[in-house]
Amino acid sequence: MLNNSVITFRLKEGDEYIELIKLLKVTNVAESGAMAKIMVSNGEVRRNGSTELRKRAKIRAGEIISTLGYEIRVN
């Protein structure tokens, strides 16, 4: 990882979580849902420091997702 880009993502009002592949797509870390699924399947995505292999993992406020030099902080 050369440069770490920090992205802050705020959950919509009333939402408890966002699915991992949707988060990667809406933050433009993945170009498509298919790319997001491949990234997760390949073990390239870390959730709070641990590899996350569940594509539809429920990501909640306070969690940090990191992949490909990006760090997504969910609020």
PDB file of N, CA and C in Angstrom:
ATOM      1  N   MET A   1       0.838  -1.186   0.000  1.00  0.00           N
ATOM      2  CA  MET A   1       0.000   0.000   0.000  1.00  0.00           C
ATOM      3  C   MET A   1       0.879   1.245   0.000  1.00  0.00           C
ATOM      4  N   LEU A   2       0.696   2.044  -0.994  1.00  0.00           N
ATOM      5  CA  LEU A   2       1.478   3.264  -1.086  1.00  0.00           C
ATOM      6  C   LEU A   2       0.836   4.382  -0.272  1.00  0.00           C
ATOM      7  N   ASN A   3      -0.348   4.760  -0.663  1.00  0.00           N
ATOM      8  CA  ASN A   3      -1.062   5.838   0.024  1.00  0.00           C
ATOM      9  C   ASN A   3      -2.337   5.300   0.623  1.00  0.00           C
ATOM     10  N   ASN A   4      -2.589   5.623   1.852  1.00  0.00           N
ATOM     11  CA  ASN A   4      -3.856   5.230   2.457  1.00  0.00           C
ATOM     12  C   ASN A   4      -4.842   6.376   2.293  1.00  0.00           C
ATOM     13  N   SER A   5      -5.919   6.110   1.602  1.00  0.00           N
ATOM     14  CA  SER A   5      -6.982   7.092   1.453  1.00  0.00           C
ATOM     15  C   SER A   5      -8.068   6.754   2.455  1.00  0.00           C
ATOM     16  N   VAL A   6      -8.446   7.729   3.254  1.00  0.00           N
ATOM     17  CA  VAL A   6      -9.484   7.517   4.262  1.00  0.00           C
ATOM     18  C   VAL A   6     -10.807   8.040   3.719  1.00  0.00           C
ATOM     19  N   ILE A   7     -11.808   7.188   3.759  1.00  0.00           N
ATOM     20  CA  ILE A   7     -13.150   7.530   3.309  1.00  0.00           C
ATOM     21  C   ILE A   7     -14.068   7.419   4.513  1.00  0.00           C
ATOM     22  N   THR A   8     -14.856   8.443   4.751  1.00  0.00           N
ATOM     23  CA  THR A   8     -15.844   8.381   5.825  1.00  0.00           C
ATOM     24  C   THR A   8     -17.199   8.141   5.190  1.00  0.00           C
ATOM     25  N   PHE A   9     -17.862   7.075   5.623  1.00  0.00           N
ATOM     26  CA  PHE A   9     -19.186   6.735   5.103  1.00  0.00           C
ATOM     27  C   PHE A   9     -20.193   6.820   6.233  1.00  0.00           C
ATOM     28  N   ARG A  10     -21.240   7.600   6.014  1.00  0.00           N
ATOM     29  CA  ARG A  10     -22.272   7.758   7.033  1.00  0.00           C
ATOM     30  C   ARG A  10     -23.493   6.926   6.628  1.00  0.00           C
ATOM     31  N   LEU A  11     -23.929   6.062   7.553  1.00  0.00           N
ATOM     32  CA  LEU A  11     -25.135   5.275   7.299  1.00  0.00           C
ATOM     33  C   LEU A  11     -26.335   6.213   7.159  1.00  0.00           C
ATOM     34  N   LYS A  12     -27.293   5.811   6.333  1.00  0.00           N
ATOM     35  CA  LYS A  12     -28.511   6.606   6.179  1.00  0.00           C
ATOM     36  C   LYS A  12     -29.296   6.596   7.478  1.00  0.00           C
ATOM     37  N   GLU A  13     -30.026   7.656   7.693  1.00  0.00           N
ATOM     38  CA  GLU A  13     -30.891   7.771   8.879  1.00  0.00           C
ATOM     39  C   GLU A  13     -31.795   6.548   8.971  1.00  0.00           C
ATOM     40  N   GLY A  14     -31.765   5.889  10.113  1.00  0.00           N
ATOM     41  CA  GLY A  14     -32.612   4.731  10.337  1.00  0.00           C
ATOM     42  C   GLY A  14     -31.993   3.394   9.942  1.00  0.00           C
ATOM     43  N   ASP A  15     -30.882   3.418   9.198  1.00  0.00           N
ATOM     44  CA  ASP A  15     -30.226   2.171   8.804  1.00  0.00           C
ATOM     45  C   ASP A  15     -29.280   1.708   9.913  1.00  0.00           C
ATOM     46  N   GLU A  16     -29.335   0.419  10.234  1.00  0.00           N
ATOM     47  CA  GLU A  16     -28.452  -0.154  11.245  1.00  0.00           C
ATOM     48  C   GLU A  16     -27.120  -0.579  10.648  1.00  0.00           C
ATOM     49  N   TYR A  17     -27.149  -0.953   9.360  1.00  0.00           N
ATOM     50  CA  TYR A  17     -25.957  -1.496   8.723  1.00  0.00           C
ATOM     51  C   TYR A  17     -26.026  -1.328   7.211  1.00  0.00           C
ATOM     52  N   ILE A  18     -24.900  -1.628   6.534  1.00  0.00           N
ATOM     53  CA  ILE A  18     -24.844  -1.736   5.081  1.00  0.00           C
ATOM     54  C   ILE A  18     -24.074  -3.015   4.780  1.00  0.00           C
ATOM     55  N   GLU A  19     -24.507  -3.742   3.761  1.00  0.00           N
ATOM     56  CA  GLU A  19     -23.803  -4.958   3.391  1.00  0.00           C
ATOM     57  C   GLU A  19     -22.433  -4.600   2.815  1.00  0.00           C
ATOM     58  N   LEU A  20     -21.451  -5.454   3.082  1.00  0.00           N
ATOM     59  CA  LEU A  20     -20.071  -5.176   2.698  1.00  0.00           C
ATOM     60  C   LEU A  20     -19.910  -4.867   1.221  1.00  0.00           C
ATOM     61  N   ILE A  21     -20.471  -5.697   0.333  1.00  0.00           N
ATOM     62  CA  ILE A  21     -20.274  -5.443  -1.095  1.00  0.00           C
ATOM     63  C   ILE A  21     -20.936  -4.142  -1.533  1.00  0.00           C
ATOM     64  N   LYS A  22     -22.048  -3.776  -0.903  1.00  0.00           N
ATOM     65  CA  LYS A  22     -22.702  -2.498  -1.227  1.00  0.00           C
ATOM     66  C   LYS A  22     -21.835  -1.325  -0.773  1.00  0.00           C
ATOM     67  N   LEU A  23     -21.215  -1.466   0.385  1.00  0.00           N
ATOM     68  CA  LEU A  23     -20.335  -0.410   0.897  1.00  0.00           C
ATOM     69  C   LEU A  23     -19.161  -0.186  -0.044  1.00  0.00           C
ATOM     70  N   LEU A  24     -18.545  -1.259  -0.511  1.00  0.00           N
ATOM     71  CA  LEU A  24     -17.412  -1.132  -1.430  1.00  0.00           C
ATOM     72  C   LEU A  24     -17.830  -0.449  -2.727  1.00  0.00           C
ATOM     73  N   LYS A  25     -19.034  -0.730  -3.186  1.00  0.00           N
ATOM     74  CA  LYS A  25     -19.532  -0.139  -4.428  1.00  0.00           C
ATOM     75  C   LYS A  25     -19.901   1.335  -4.257  1.00  0.00           C
ATOM     76  N   VAL A  26     -20.654   1.676  -3.216  1.00  0.00           N
ATOM     77  CA  VAL A  26     -21.108   3.067  -3.066  1.00  0.00           C
ATOM     78  C   VAL A  26     -19.969   4.029  -2.722  1.00  0.00           C
ATOM     79  N   THR A  27     -18.884   3.517  -2.160  1.00  0.00           N
ATOM     80  CA  THR A  27     -17.725   4.376  -1.869  1.00  0.00           C
ATOM     81  C   THR A  27     -16.749   4.420  -3.046  1.00  0.00           C
ATOM     82  N   ASN A  28     -17.102   3.744  -4.135  1.00  0.00           N
ATOM     83  CA  ASN A  28     -16.282   3.683  -5.349  1.00  0.00           C
ATOM     84  C   ASN A  28     -14.929   3.011  -5.143  1.00  0.00           C
ATOM     85  N   VAL A  29     -14.799   2.211  -4.102  1.00  0.00           N
ATOM     86  CA  VAL A  29     -13.589   1.412  -3.914  1.00  0.00           C
ATOM     87  C   VAL A  29     -13.611   0.275  -4.929  1.00  0.00           C
ATOM     88  N   ALA A  30     -14.797  -0.269  -5.186  1.00  0.00           N
ATOM     89  CA  ALA A  30     -14.997  -1.279  -6.230  1.00  0.00           C
ATOM     90  C   ALA A  30     -15.800  -0.635  -7.351  1.00  0.00           C
ATOM     91  N   GLU A  31     -15.408  -0.928  -8.590  1.00  0.00           N
ATOM     92  CA  GLU A  31     -16.094  -0.331  -9.736  1.00  0.00           C
ATOM     93  C   GLU A  31     -17.495  -0.902  -9.944  1.00  0.00           C
ATOM     94  N   SER A  32     -17.719  -2.119  -9.446  1.00  0.00           N
ATOM     95  CA  SER A  32     -19.016  -2.765  -9.629  1.00  0.00           C
ATOM     96  C   SER A  32     -19.258  -3.739  -8.490  1.00  0.00           C
ATOM     97  N   GLY A  33     -20.484  -4.220  -8.422  1.00  0.00           N
ATOM     98  CA  GLY A  33     -20.813  -5.227  -7.425  1.00  0.00           C
ATOM     99  C   GLY A  33     -20.021  -6.506  -7.652  1.00  0.00           C
ATOM    100  N   ALA A  34     -19.823  -6.854  -8.930  1.00  0.00           N
ATOM    101  CA  ALA A  34     -19.055  -8.066  -9.259  1.00  0.00           C
ATOM    102  C   ALA A  34     -17.612  -7.930  -8.782  1.00  0.00           C
ATOM    103  N   MET A  35     -17.027  -6.759  -8.984  1.00  0.00           N
ATOM    104  CA  MET A  35     -15.654  -6.538  -8.533  1.00  0.00           C
ATOM    105  C   MET A  35     -15.579  -6.625  -7.001  1.00  0.00           C
ATOM    106  N   ALA A  36     -16.583  -6.071  -6.322  1.00  0.00           N
ATOM    107  CA  ALA A  36     -16.617  -6.120  -4.861  1.00  0.00           C
ATOM    108  C   ALA A  36     -16.673  -7.561  -4.382  1.00  0.00           C
ATOM    109  N   LYS A  37     -17.485  -8.397  -5.025  1.00  0.00           N
ATOM    110  CA  LYS A  37     -17.587  -9.809  -4.653  1.00  0.00           C
ATOM    111  C   LYS A  37     -16.253 -10.523  -4.834  1.00  0.00           C
ATOM    112  N   ILE A  38     -15.559 -10.233  -5.926  1.00  0.00           N
ATOM    113  CA  ILE A  38     -14.252 -10.855  -6.186  1.00  0.00           C
ATOM    114  C   ILE A  38     -13.243 -10.431  -5.132  1.00  0.00           C
ATOM    115  N   MET A  39     -13.231  -9.143  -4.789  1.00  0.00           N
ATOM    116  CA  MET A  39     -12.301  -8.640  -3.770  1.00  0.00           C
ATOM    117  C   MET A  39     -12.498  -9.373  -2.450  1.00  0.00           C
ATOM    118  N   VAL A  40     -13.761  -9.556  -2.051  1.00  0.00           N
ATOM    119  CA  VAL A  40     -14.065 -10.233  -0.791  1.00  0.00           C
ATOM    120  C   VAL A  40     -13.678 -11.711  -0.886  1.00  0.00           C
ATOM    121  N   SER A  41     -14.051 -12.358  -1.994  1.00  0.00           N
ATOM    122  CA  SER A  41     -13.735 -13.783  -2.174  1.00  0.00           C
ATOM    123  C   SER A  41     -12.236 -14.047  -2.157  1.00  0.00           C
ATOM    124  N   ASN A  42     -11.460 -13.107  -2.683  1.00  0.00           N
ATOM    125  CA  ASN A  42     -10.001 -13.253  -2.741  1.00  0.00           C
ATOM    126  C   ASN A  42      -9.319 -12.919  -1.418  1.00  0.00           C
ATOM    127  N   GLY A  43     -10.090 -12.540  -0.407  1.00  0.00           N
ATOM    128  CA  GLY A  43      -9.504 -12.227   0.894  1.00  0.00           C
ATOM    129  C   GLY A  43      -8.785 -10.891   0.942  1.00  0.00           C
ATOM    130  N   GLU A  44      -9.167  -9.965   0.062  1.00  0.00           N
ATOM    131  CA  GLU A  44      -8.504  -8.659  -0.027  1.00  0.00           C
ATOM    132  C   GLU A  44      -9.124  -7.610   0.894  1.00  0.00           C
ATOM    133  N   VAL A  45     -10.200  -7.959   1.583  1.00  0.00           N
ATOM    134  CA  VAL A  45     -10.922  -6.994   2.406  1.00  0.00           C
ATOM    135  C   VAL A  45     -10.753  -7.344   3.880  1.00  0.00           C
ATOM    136  N   ARG A  46     -10.400  -6.325   4.666  1.00  0.00           N
ATOM    137  CA  ARG A  46     -10.243  -6.520   6.108  1.00  0.00           C
ATOM    138  C   ARG A  46     -11.296  -5.699   6.838  1.00  0.00           C
ATOM    139  N   ARG A  47     -11.863  -6.319   7.863  1.00  0.00           N
ATOM    140  CA  ARG A  47     -12.886  -5.665   8.684  1.00  0.00           C
ATOM    141  C   ARG A  47     -12.328  -5.581  10.091  1.00  0.00           C
ATOM    142  N   ASN A  48     -12.106  -4.366  10.559  1.00  0.00           N
ATOM    143  CA  ASN A  48     -11.540  -4.140  11.894  1.00  0.00           C
ATOM    144  C   ASN A  48     -10.254  -4.936  12.085  1.00  0.00           C
ATOM    145  N   GLY A  49      -9.452  -5.041  11.024  1.00  0.00           N
ATOM    146  CA  GLY A  49      -8.154  -5.700  11.103  1.00  0.00           C
ATOM    147  C   GLY A  49      -8.135  -7.173  10.761  1.00  0.00           C
ATOM    148  N   SER A  50      -9.299  -7.801  10.603  1.00  0.00           N
ATOM    149  CA  SER A  50      -9.369  -9.227  10.278  1.00  0.00           C
ATOM    150  C   SER A  50      -9.959  -9.422   8.885  1.00  0.00           C
ATOM    151  N   THR A  51      -9.468 -10.415   8.178  1.00  0.00           N
ATOM    152  CA  THR A  51      -9.989 -10.699   6.844  1.00  0.00           C
ATOM    153  C   THR A  51     -11.462 -11.060   6.931  1.00  0.00           C
ATOM    154  N   GLU A  52     -12.263 -10.442   6.055  1.00  0.00           N
ATOM    155  CA  GLU A  52     -13.714 -10.697   6.012  1.00  0.00           C
ATOM    156  C   GLU A  52     -14.035 -11.384   4.692  1.00  0.00           C
ATOM    157  N   LEU A  53     -14.585 -12.581   4.756  1.00  0.00           N
ATOM    158  CA  LEU A  53     -14.898 -13.358   3.557  1.00  0.00           C
ATOM    159  C   LEU A  53     -16.391 -13.432   3.267  1.00  0.00           C
ATOM    160  N   ARG A  54     -17.211 -12.795   4.093  1.00  0.00           N
ATOM    161  CA  ARG A  54     -18.661 -12.811   3.870  1.00  0.00           C
ATOM    162  C   ARG A  54     -19.059 -11.581   3.055  1.00  0.00           C
ATOM    163  N   LYS A  55     -19.535 -11.815   1.852  1.00  0.00           N
ATOM    164  CA  LYS A  55     -19.886 -10.716   0.945  1.00  0.00           C
ATOM    165  C   LYS A  55     -20.989  -9.823   1.500  1.00  0.00           C
ATOM    166  N   ARG A  56     -21.918 -10.427   2.208  1.00  0.00           N
ATOM    167  CA  ARG A  56     -23.059  -9.669   2.719  1.00  0.00           C
ATOM    168  C   ARG A  56     -22.953  -9.400   4.223  1.00  0.00           C
ATOM    169  N   ALA A  57     -21.723  -9.374   4.711  1.00  0.00           N
ATOM    170  CA  ALA A  57     -21.508  -9.060   6.131  1.00  0.00           C
ATOM    171  C   ALA A  57     -22.157  -7.719   6.444  1.00  0.00           C
ATOM    172  N   LYS A  58     -22.791  -7.634   7.602  1.00  0.00           N
ATOM    173  CA  LYS A  58     -23.478  -6.409   8.010  1.00  0.00           C
ATOM    174  C   LYS A  58     -22.476  -5.478   8.676  1.00  0.00           C
ATOM    175  N   ILE A  59     -22.138  -4.401   7.979  1.00  0.00           N
ATOM    176  CA  ILE A  59     -21.163  -3.432   8.472  1.00  0.00           C
ATOM    177  C   ILE A  59     -21.927  -2.329   9.209  1.00  0.00           C
ATOM    178  N   ARG A  60     -21.562  -2.128  10.454  1.00  0.00           N
ATOM    179  CA  ARG A  60     -22.278  -1.173  11.308  1.00  0.00           C
ATOM    180  C   ARG A  60     -21.397   0.022  11.654  1.00  0.00           C
ATOM    181  N   ALA A  61     -22.016   1.057  12.206  1.00  0.00           N
ATOM    182  CA  ALA A  61     -21.295   2.264  12.617  1.00  0.00           C
ATOM    183  C   ALA A  61     -20.159   1.889  13.567  1.00  0.00           C
ATOM    184  N   GLY A  62     -19.022   2.535  13.384  1.00  0.00           N
ATOM    185  CA  GLY A  62     -17.862   2.293  14.234  1.00  0.00           C
ATOM    186  C   GLY A  62     -16.867   1.309  13.646  1.00  0.00           C
ATOM    187  N   GLU A  63     -17.246   0.636  12.570  1.00  0.00           N
ATOM    188  CA  GLU A  63     -16.350  -0.347  11.966  1.00  0.00           C
ATOM    189  C   GLU A  63     -15.445   0.304  10.923  1.00  0.00           C
ATOM    190  N   ILE A  64     -14.306  -0.350  10.686  1.00  0.00           N
ATOM    191  CA  ILE A  64     -13.336   0.129   9.700  1.00  0.00           C
ATOM    192  C   ILE A  64     -13.074  -1.001   8.716  1.00  0.00           C
ATOM    193  N   ILE A  65     -13.259  -0.692   7.440  1.00  0.00           N
ATOM    194  CA  ILE A  65     -13.012  -1.631   6.353  1.00  0.00           C
ATOM    195  C   ILE A  65     -11.784  -1.142   5.598  1.00  0.00           C
ATOM    196  N   SER A  66     -10.842  -2.031   5.346  1.00  0.00           N
ATOM    197  CA  SER A  66      -9.656  -1.619   4.597  1.00  0.00           C
ATOM    198  C   SER A  66      -9.384  -2.594   3.458  1.00  0.00           C
ATOM    199  N   THR A  67      -8.996  -2.029   2.313  1.00  0.00           N
ATOM    200  CA  THR A  67      -8.679  -2.805   1.121  1.00  0.00           C
ATOM    201  C   THR A  67      -8.023  -1.907   0.089  1.00  0.00           C
ATOM    202  N   LEU A  68      -7.089  -2.449  -0.643  1.00  0.00           N
ATOM    203  CA  LEU A  68      -6.465  -1.755  -1.782  1.00  0.00           C
ATOM    204  C   LEU A  68      -5.981  -0.342  -1.447  1.00  0.00           C
ATOM    205  N   GLY A  69      -5.480  -0.136  -0.238  1.00  0.00           N
ATOM    206  CA  GLY A  69      -4.975   1.177   0.142  1.00  0.00           C
ATOM    207  C   GLY A  69      -6.039   2.151   0.638  1.00  0.00           C
ATOM    208  N   TYR A  70      -7.280   1.685   0.727  1.00  0.00           N
ATOM    209  CA  TYR A  70      -8.367   2.513   1.235  1.00  0.00           C
ATOM    210  C   TYR A  70      -8.735   2.082   2.636  1.00  0.00           C
ATOM    211  N   GLU A  71      -9.161   3.033   3.426  1.00  0.00           N
ATOM    212  CA  GLU A  71      -9.707   2.760   4.745  1.00  0.00           C
ATOM    213  C   GLU A  71     -11.065   3.443   4.793  1.00  0.00           C
ATOM    214  N   ILE A  72     -12.114   2.645   4.961  1.00  0.00           N
ATOM    215  CA  ILE A  72     -13.477   3.177   5.026  1.00  0.00           C
ATOM    216  C   ILE A  72     -13.919   3.143   6.459  1.00  0.00           C
ATOM    217  N   ARG A  73     -14.226   4.320   6.996  1.00  0.00           N
ATOM    218  CA  ARG A  73     -14.710   4.437   8.381  1.00  0.00           C
ATOM    219  C   ARG A  73     -16.205   4.666   8.336  1.00  0.00           C
ATOM    220  N   VAL A  74     -16.942   3.765   8.951  1.00  0.00           N
ATOM    221  CA  VAL A  74     -18.401   3.825   8.911  1.00  0.00           C
ATOM    222  C   VAL A  74     -18.919   4.536  10.155  1.00  0.00           C
ATOM    223  N   ASN A  75     -19.741   5.551   9.933  1.00  0.00           N
ATOM    224  CA  ASN A  75     -20.356   6.316  11.027  1.00  0.00           C
ATOM    225  C   ASN A  75     -21.850   6.134  11.004  1.00  0.00           C
TER     226      ASN A  75
END
